[in-house]
């Protein structure tokens, strides 16, 4: 989570198992997923990819894929984690952003809707992948532990149907199992906890 501080302020740590920490991990997982997909399928166009309650997802404009392709995506994600790739925040002007995303009409549309034509914004770069995003993210790919990628029902994209890929981060899977057991115990006492609410799109320009 690289960000230059240019004035005095109070800084508090974000723990990995906190709500905010899990959100950052899932958000970073979504970027890792997009990096893996675009490496394996250079013609794929990333659209939106927010973290959600039980993991993360990213929609792509691309040809349909099957189970074997999903396993290859998983494999590539795990390879990227091992490469210890820095994840860096960049502040870019509008012209630079439009040049970077000139071949992706979905990102340009997001810029038009959420940023405007004369205003710059932040982007996050990891290796050969860059995404329009407010962040924050983990600072290195080894901070991400990937379990499984699955297909989800894609949204309707302008000009055609999108292909959706979803996944779960390891820490969130373990947290969810712990919550389930806690709920069963609470039920025996006549009360029941509620899981955290979904936070789709919170803080991410690409959502």
C-alpha atoms as a PDB file:
ATOM      1  CA  UNK A   1       0.000   0.000   0.000  1.00  0.00           C
ATOM      2  CA  UNK A   2       2.435   2.632  -1.238  1.00  0.00           C
ATOM      3  CA  UNK A   3       1.319   6.211  -0.707  1.00  0.00           C
ATOM      4  CA  UNK A   4       3.516   9.250  -0.112  1.00  0.00           C
ATOM      5  CA  UNK A   5       2.541  11.336   2.924  1.00  0.00           C
ATOM      6  CA  UNK A   6       3.157  15.050   2.351  1.00  0.00           C
ATOM      7  CA  UNK A   7       1.841  16.370   5.678  1.00  0.00           C
ATOM      8  CA  UNK A   8       1.675  15.380   9.332  1.00  0.00           C
ATOM      9  CA  UNK A   9      -1.027  12.842  10.050  1.00  0.00           C
ATOM     10  CA  UNK A  10      -1.993   9.936  12.275  1.00  0.00           C
ATOM     11  CA  UNK A  11      -1.345   6.481  10.805  1.00  0.00           C
ATOM     12  CA  UNK A  12      -3.021   3.329  12.093  1.00  0.00           C
ATOM     13  CA  UNK A  13      -2.116  -0.220  10.983  1.00  0.00           C
ATOM     14  CA  UNK A  14      -4.651  -2.384   9.131  1.00  0.00           C
ATOM     15  CA  UNK A  15      -4.486  -6.021  10.235  1.00  0.00           C
ATOM     16  CA  UNK A  16      -4.856  -8.735   7.610  1.00  0.00           C
ATOM     17  CA  UNK A  17      -7.752 -10.454   9.393  1.00  0.00           C
ATOM     18  CA  UNK A  18      -9.753  -7.253   9.935  1.00  0.00           C
ATOM     19  CA  UNK A  19     -12.652  -6.251   7.690  1.00  0.00           C
ATOM     20  CA  UNK A  20     -10.498  -3.590   6.047  1.00  0.00           C
ATOM     21  CA  UNK A  21      -7.545  -5.970   5.715  1.00  0.00           C
ATOM     22  CA  UNK A  22      -9.619  -8.702   4.075  1.00  0.00           C
ATOM     23  CA  UNK A  23     -11.103  -6.126   1.703  1.00  0.00           C
ATOM     24  CA  UNK A  24      -7.601  -5.071   0.611  1.00  0.00           C
ATOM     25  CA  UNK A  25      -6.527  -8.705   0.136  1.00  0.00           C
ATOM     26  CA  UNK A  26      -9.577  -9.508  -1.997  1.00  0.00           C
ATOM     27  CA  UNK A  27      -9.111  -6.322  -3.994  1.00  0.00           C
ATOM     28  CA  UNK A  28      -5.492  -7.281  -4.692  1.00  0.00           C
ATOM     29  CA  UNK A  29      -6.610 -10.813  -5.622  1.00  0.00           C
ATOM     30  CA  UNK A  30      -8.917  -9.341  -8.261  1.00  0.00           C
ATOM     31  CA  UNK A  31      -5.986  -7.482  -9.836  1.00  0.00           C
ATOM     32  CA  UNK A  32      -3.878 -10.650  -9.726  1.00  0.00           C
ATOM     33  CA  UNK A  33      -6.673 -12.517 -11.494  1.00  0.00           C
ATOM     34  CA  UNK A  34      -6.847  -9.851 -14.198  1.00  0.00           C
ATOM     35  CA  UNK A  35      -3.076  -9.956 -14.669  1.00  0.00           C
ATOM     36  CA  UNK A  36      -3.149 -13.741 -15.105  1.00  0.00           C
ATOM     37  CA  UNK A  37      -6.037 -13.632 -17.582  1.00  0.00           C
ATOM     38  CA  UNK A  38      -4.509 -10.880 -19.721  1.00  0.00           C
ATOM     39  CA  UNK A  39      -1.175 -12.711 -19.843  1.00  0.00           C
ATOM     40  CA  UNK A  40      -2.821 -15.927 -21.012  1.00  0.00           C
ATOM     41  CA  UNK A  41      -5.382 -14.186 -23.238  1.00  0.00           C
ATOM     42  CA  UNK A  42      -3.858 -10.939 -24.595  1.00  0.00           C
ATOM     43  CA  UNK A  43      -7.072 -10.042 -26.436  1.00  0.00           C
ATOM     44  CA  UNK A  44      -9.169 -10.193 -23.246  1.00  0.00           C
ATOM     45  CA  UNK A  45     -10.538  -6.824 -22.138  1.00  0.00           C
ATOM     46  CA  UNK A  46     -10.831  -6.401 -18.344  1.00  0.00           C
ATOM     47  CA  UNK A  47     -14.003  -4.541 -17.394  1.00  0.00           C
ATOM     48  CA  UNK A  48     -14.848  -4.423 -13.654  1.00  0.00           C
ATOM     49  CA  UNK A  49     -13.486  -6.448 -10.745  1.00  0.00           C
ATOM     50  CA  UNK A  50     -14.499  -5.580  -7.190  1.00  0.00           C
ATOM     51  CA  UNK A  51     -13.871  -7.511  -3.990  1.00  0.00           C
ATOM     52  CA  UNK A  52     -16.996  -9.105  -2.523  1.00  0.00           C
ATOM     53  CA  UNK A  53     -17.883 -10.738   0.799  1.00  0.00           C
ATOM     54  CA  UNK A  54     -16.558 -14.234   0.095  1.00  0.00           C
ATOM     55  CA  UNK A  55     -13.754 -13.440  -2.334  1.00  0.00           C
ATOM     56  CA  UNK A  56     -13.457 -11.437  -5.528  1.00  0.00           C
ATOM     57  CA  UNK A  57     -14.316 -11.451  -9.204  1.00  0.00           C
ATOM     58  CA  UNK A  58     -13.416  -9.786 -12.467  1.00  0.00           C
ATOM     59  CA  UNK A  59     -15.465  -9.569 -15.659  1.00  0.00           C
ATOM     60  CA  UNK A  60     -13.741  -9.743 -19.039  1.00  0.00           C
ATOM     61  CA  UNK A  61     -14.811  -9.231 -22.620  1.00  0.00           C
ATOM     62  CA  UNK A  62     -13.332 -12.404 -24.141  1.00  0.00           C
ATOM     63  CA  UNK A  63     -14.169 -15.703 -25.777  1.00  0.00           C
ATOM     64  CA  UNK A  64     -15.769 -18.372 -23.534  1.00  0.00           C
ATOM     65  CA  UNK A  65     -13.441 -20.550 -21.458  1.00  0.00           C
ATOM     66  CA  UNK A  66     -13.836 -23.949 -19.793  1.00  0.00           C
ATOM     67  CA  UNK A  67     -12.597 -25.800 -16.725  1.00  0.00           C
ATOM     68  CA  UNK A  68      -9.169 -26.529 -18.186  1.00  0.00           C
ATOM     69  CA  UNK A  69      -8.633 -22.849 -18.948  1.00  0.00           C
ATOM     70  CA  UNK A  70      -9.675 -21.965 -15.393  1.00  0.00           C
ATOM     71  CA  UNK A  71      -7.049 -24.316 -13.998  1.00  0.00           C
ATOM     72  CA  UNK A  72      -4.441 -22.633 -16.187  1.00  0.00           C
ATOM     73  CA  UNK A  73      -5.525 -19.256 -14.837  1.00  0.00           C
ATOM     74  CA  UNK A  74      -5.168 -20.571 -11.270  1.00  0.00           C
ATOM     75  CA  UNK A  75      -1.707 -21.874 -12.087  1.00  0.00           C
ATOM     76  CA  UNK A  76      -0.617 -18.557 -13.566  1.00  0.00           C
ATOM     77  CA  UNK A  77      -1.936 -16.659 -10.526  1.00  0.00           C
ATOM     78  CA  UNK A  78       0.124 -18.841  -8.205  1.00  0.00           C
ATOM     79  CA  UNK A  79       3.185 -18.326 -10.404  1.00  0.00           C
ATOM     80  CA  UNK A  80       2.720 -14.556 -10.214  1.00  0.00           C
ATOM     81  CA  UNK A  81       2.470 -14.741  -6.419  1.00  0.00           C
ATOM     82  CA  UNK A  82       5.853 -16.500  -6.270  1.00  0.00           C
ATOM     83  CA  UNK A  83       7.476 -13.867  -8.499  1.00  0.00           C
ATOM     84  CA  UNK A  84       7.381 -11.318  -5.665  1.00  0.00           C
ATOM     85  CA  UNK A  85       6.042  -8.563  -7.931  1.00  0.00           C
ATOM     86  CA  UNK A  86       5.794  -5.067  -6.403  1.00  0.00           C
ATOM     87  CA  UNK A  87       2.336  -3.463  -6.522  1.00  0.00           C
ATOM     88  CA  UNK A  88       2.773   0.282  -6.959  1.00  0.00           C
ATOM     89  CA  UNK A  89       0.387   3.214  -6.990  1.00  0.00           C
ATOM     90  CA  UNK A  90       0.824   5.813  -9.747  1.00  0.00           C
ATOM     91  CA  UNK A  91      -0.820   9.223 -10.084  1.00  0.00           C
ATOM     92  CA  UNK A  92      -1.424   9.852 -13.792  1.00  0.00           C
ATOM     93  CA  UNK A  93      -2.949  12.679 -15.783  1.00  0.00           C
ATOM     94  CA  UNK A  94      -5.976  12.140 -17.989  1.00  0.00           C
ATOM     95  CA  UNK A  95      -3.995  12.018 -21.223  1.00  0.00           C
ATOM     96  CA  UNK A  96      -1.646   9.333 -19.889  1.00  0.00           C
ATOM     97  CA  UNK A  97      -4.549   7.227 -18.626  1.00  0.00           C
ATOM     98  CA  UNK A  98      -6.362   7.416 -21.957  1.00  0.00           C
ATOM     99  CA  UNK A  99      -3.192   6.426 -23.761  1.00  0.00           C
ATOM    100  CA  UNK A 100      -2.650   3.416 -21.469  1.00  0.00           C
ATOM    101  CA  UNK A 101      -6.246   2.192 -21.826  1.00  0.00           C
ATOM    102  CA  UNK A 102      -6.773   3.266 -25.443  1.00  0.00           C
ATOM    103  CA  UNK A 103      -7.455  -0.327 -26.558  1.00  0.00           C
ATOM    104  CA  UNK A 104      -9.987  -1.001 -23.785  1.00  0.00           C
ATOM    105  CA  UNK A 105     -13.318   0.771 -24.421  1.00  0.00           C
ATOM    106  CA  UNK A 106     -14.666  -0.343 -21.034  1.00  0.00           C
ATOM    107  CA  UNK A 107     -11.940   1.475 -19.105  1.00  0.00           C
ATOM    108  CA  UNK A 108     -12.438   4.570 -21.259  1.00  0.00           C
ATOM    109  CA  UNK A 109     -16.148   4.457 -20.488  1.00  0.00           C
ATOM    110  CA  UNK A 110     -15.406   4.235 -16.760  1.00  0.00           C
ATOM    111  CA  UNK A 111     -13.122   7.252 -17.094  1.00  0.00           C
ATOM    112  CA  UNK A 112     -15.861   9.208 -18.850  1.00  0.00           C
ATOM    113  CA  UNK A 113     -18.458   8.268 -16.223  1.00  0.00           C
ATOM    114  CA  UNK A 114     -16.400   8.534 -13.027  1.00  0.00           C
ATOM    115  CA  UNK A 115     -13.442  10.810 -13.744  1.00  0.00           C
ATOM    116  CA  UNK A 116     -14.189  13.146 -16.641  1.00  0.00           C
ATOM    117  CA  UNK A 117     -12.145  14.291 -19.611  1.00  0.00           C
ATOM    118  CA  UNK A 118      -9.672  16.655 -17.952  1.00  0.00           C
ATOM    119  CA  UNK A 119      -8.978  15.050 -14.576  1.00  0.00           C
ATOM    120  CA  UNK A 120      -6.270  12.536 -13.733  1.00  0.00           C
ATOM    121  CA  UNK A 121      -6.512   9.636 -11.319  1.00  0.00           C
ATOM    122  CA  UNK A 122      -4.559   6.857  -9.676  1.00  0.00           C
ATOM    123  CA  UNK A 123      -3.672   3.509 -11.200  1.00  0.00           C
ATOM    124  CA  UNK A 124      -1.995   0.438  -9.733  1.00  0.00           C
ATOM    125  CA  UNK A 125       0.805  -1.319 -11.584  1.00  0.00           C
ATOM    126  CA  UNK A 126       2.170  -4.818 -10.950  1.00  0.00           C
ATOM    127  CA  UNK A 127       4.667  -6.051 -13.489  1.00  0.00           C
ATOM    128  CA  UNK A 128       3.180  -5.914 -16.977  1.00  0.00           C
ATOM    129  CA  UNK A 129      -0.336  -5.188 -15.687  1.00  0.00           C
ATOM    130  CA  UNK A 130      -1.845  -1.821 -14.809  1.00  0.00           C
ATOM    131  CA  UNK A 131      -5.409  -1.020 -13.760  1.00  0.00           C
ATOM    132  CA  UNK A 132      -7.403   2.128 -13.171  1.00  0.00           C
ATOM    133  CA  UNK A 133      -8.006   2.041  -9.425  1.00  0.00           C
ATOM    134  CA  UNK A 134      -8.144   4.092  -6.213  1.00  0.00           C
ATOM    135  CA  UNK A 135      -6.833   1.208  -4.087  1.00  0.00           C
ATOM    136  CA  UNK A 136      -5.466   0.466  -1.635  1.00  0.00           C
ATOM    137  CA  UNK A 137      -3.598  -2.785  -2.309  1.00  0.00           C
ATOM    138  CA  UNK A 138      -0.979  -4.997  -0.722  1.00  0.00           C
ATOM    139  CA  UNK A 139       2.582  -4.018  -1.637  1.00  0.00           C
ATOM    140  CA  UNK A 140       3.840  -7.371  -2.999  1.00  0.00           C
ATOM    141  CA  UNK A 141       2.155 -10.348  -4.677  1.00  0.00           C
ATOM    142  CA  UNK A 142       3.380 -12.910  -2.061  1.00  0.00           C
ATOM    143  CA  UNK A 143       0.912 -11.280   0.359  1.00  0.00           C
ATOM    144  CA  UNK A 144      -1.852 -12.944  -1.697  1.00  0.00           C
ATOM    145  CA  UNK A 145      -2.791 -16.608  -1.209  1.00  0.00           C
ATOM    146  CA  UNK A 146      -4.961 -18.030  -3.985  1.00  0.00           C
ATOM    147  CA  UNK A 147      -7.211 -21.077  -3.653  1.00  0.00           C
ATOM    148  CA  UNK A 148      -9.485 -21.486  -6.640  1.00  0.00           C
ATOM    149  CA  UNK A 149     -10.876 -19.642  -9.642  1.00  0.00           C
ATOM    150  CA  UNK A 150     -14.435 -20.267 -10.805  1.00  0.00           C
ATOM    151  CA  UNK A 151     -16.733 -18.897 -13.450  1.00  0.00           C
ATOM    152  CA  UNK A 152     -19.619 -16.710 -12.373  1.00  0.00           C
ATOM    153  CA  UNK A 153     -22.600 -15.368 -14.289  1.00  0.00           C
ATOM    154  CA  UNK A 154     -21.221 -12.509 -16.389  1.00  0.00           C
ATOM    155  CA  UNK A 155     -22.935  -9.189 -16.733  1.00  0.00           C
ATOM    156  CA  UNK A 156     -24.280  -7.794 -19.973  1.00  0.00           C
ATOM    157  CA  UNK A 157     -21.620  -5.577 -21.502  1.00  0.00           C
ATOM    158  CA  UNK A 158     -22.149  -2.949 -24.145  1.00  0.00           C
ATOM    159  CA  UNK A 159     -21.587  -4.694 -27.456  1.00  0.00           C
ATOM    160  CA  UNK A 160     -21.853  -8.266 -26.202  1.00  0.00           C
ATOM    161  CA  UNK A 161     -21.663 -10.799 -23.407  1.00  0.00           C
ATOM    162  CA  UNK A 162     -18.829 -10.778 -20.899  1.00  0.00           C
ATOM    163  CA  UNK A 163     -16.966 -13.733 -19.414  1.00  0.00           C
ATOM    164  CA  UNK A 164     -16.764 -13.729 -15.636  1.00  0.00           C
ATOM    165  CA  UNK A 165     -14.098 -15.333 -13.462  1.00  0.00           C
ATOM    166  CA  UNK A 166     -14.346 -15.387  -9.686  1.00  0.00           C
ATOM    167  CA  UNK A 167     -12.075 -16.598  -6.927  1.00  0.00           C
ATOM    168  CA  UNK A 168     -11.486 -16.828  -3.200  1.00  0.00           C
ATOM    169  CA  UNK A 169      -8.497 -15.793  -1.142  1.00  0.00           C
ATOM    170  CA  UNK A 170      -7.227 -18.300   1.409  1.00  0.00           C
ATOM    171  CA  UNK A 171      -7.597 -16.053   4.439  1.00  0.00           C
ATOM    172  CA  UNK A 172     -11.214 -15.324   3.592  1.00  0.00           C
ATOM    173  CA  UNK A 173     -12.051 -19.013   3.152  1.00  0.00           C
ATOM    174  CA  UNK A 174     -10.656 -19.752   6.591  1.00  0.00           C
ATOM    175  CA  UNK A 175     -12.515 -16.795   8.093  1.00  0.00           C
ATOM    176  CA  UNK A 176     -15.802 -17.940   6.565  1.00  0.00           C
ATOM    177  CA  UNK A 177     -15.392 -21.461   7.943  1.00  0.00           C
ATOM    178  CA  UNK A 178     -14.750 -20.006  11.384  1.00  0.00           C
ATOM    179  CA  UNK A 179     -17.855 -17.813  11.116  1.00  0.00           C
ATOM    180  CA  UNK A 180     -20.002 -20.816  10.140  1.00  0.00           C
ATOM    181  CA  UNK A 181     -18.899 -22.782  13.195  1.00  0.00           C
ATOM    182  CA  UNK A 182     -19.467 -19.771  15.438  1.00  0.00           C
ATOM    183  CA  UNK A 183     -22.970 -19.365  14.058  1.00  0.00           C
ATOM    184  CA  UNK A 184     -23.905 -22.974  14.856  1.00  0.00           C
ATOM    185  CA  UNK A 185     -22.737 -22.477  18.446  1.00  0.00           C
ATOM    186  CA  UNK A 186     -24.645 -19.202  18.717  1.00  0.00           C
ATOM    187  CA  UNK A 187     -27.818 -20.840  17.395  1.00  0.00           C
ATOM    188  CA  UNK A 188     -27.849 -23.245  20.350  1.00  0.00           C
ATOM    189  CA  UNK A 189     -28.062 -20.200  22.632  1.00  0.00           C
ATOM    190  CA  UNK A 190     -30.972 -18.749  20.700  1.00  0.00           C
ATOM    191  CA  UNK A 191     -29.062 -16.039  18.842  1.00  0.00           C
ATOM    192  CA  UNK A 192     -27.410 -15.847  15.458  1.00  0.00           C
ATOM    193  CA  UNK A 193     -24.622 -13.657  14.140  1.00  0.00           C
ATOM    194  CA  UNK A 194     -24.815 -12.015  10.731  1.00  0.00           C
ATOM    195  CA  UNK A 195     -21.965 -12.037   8.213  1.00  0.00           C
ATOM    196  CA  UNK A 196     -20.453  -8.779   7.036  1.00  0.00           C
ATOM    197  CA  UNK A 197     -22.249  -6.995   4.204  1.00  0.00           C
ATOM    198  CA  UNK A 198     -20.961  -7.153   0.643  1.00  0.00           C
ATOM    199  CA  UNK A 199     -18.828  -4.180  -0.302  1.00  0.00           C
ATOM    200  CA  UNK A 200     -18.989  -4.397  -4.068  1.00  0.00           C
ATOM    201  CA  UNK A 201     -17.356  -1.513  -5.830  1.00  0.00           C
ATOM    202  CA  UNK A 202     -16.254   0.307  -2.671  1.00  0.00           C
ATOM    203  CA  UNK A 203     -13.162   2.389  -3.394  1.00  0.00           C
ATOM    204  CA  UNK A 204     -12.372   0.968  -6.828  1.00  0.00           C
ATOM    205  CA  UNK A 205     -12.586   3.007 -10.023  1.00  0.00           C
ATOM    206  CA  UNK A 206     -12.689  -0.139 -12.132  1.00  0.00           C
ATOM    207  CA  UNK A 207     -15.891  -1.359 -10.446  1.00  0.00           C
END
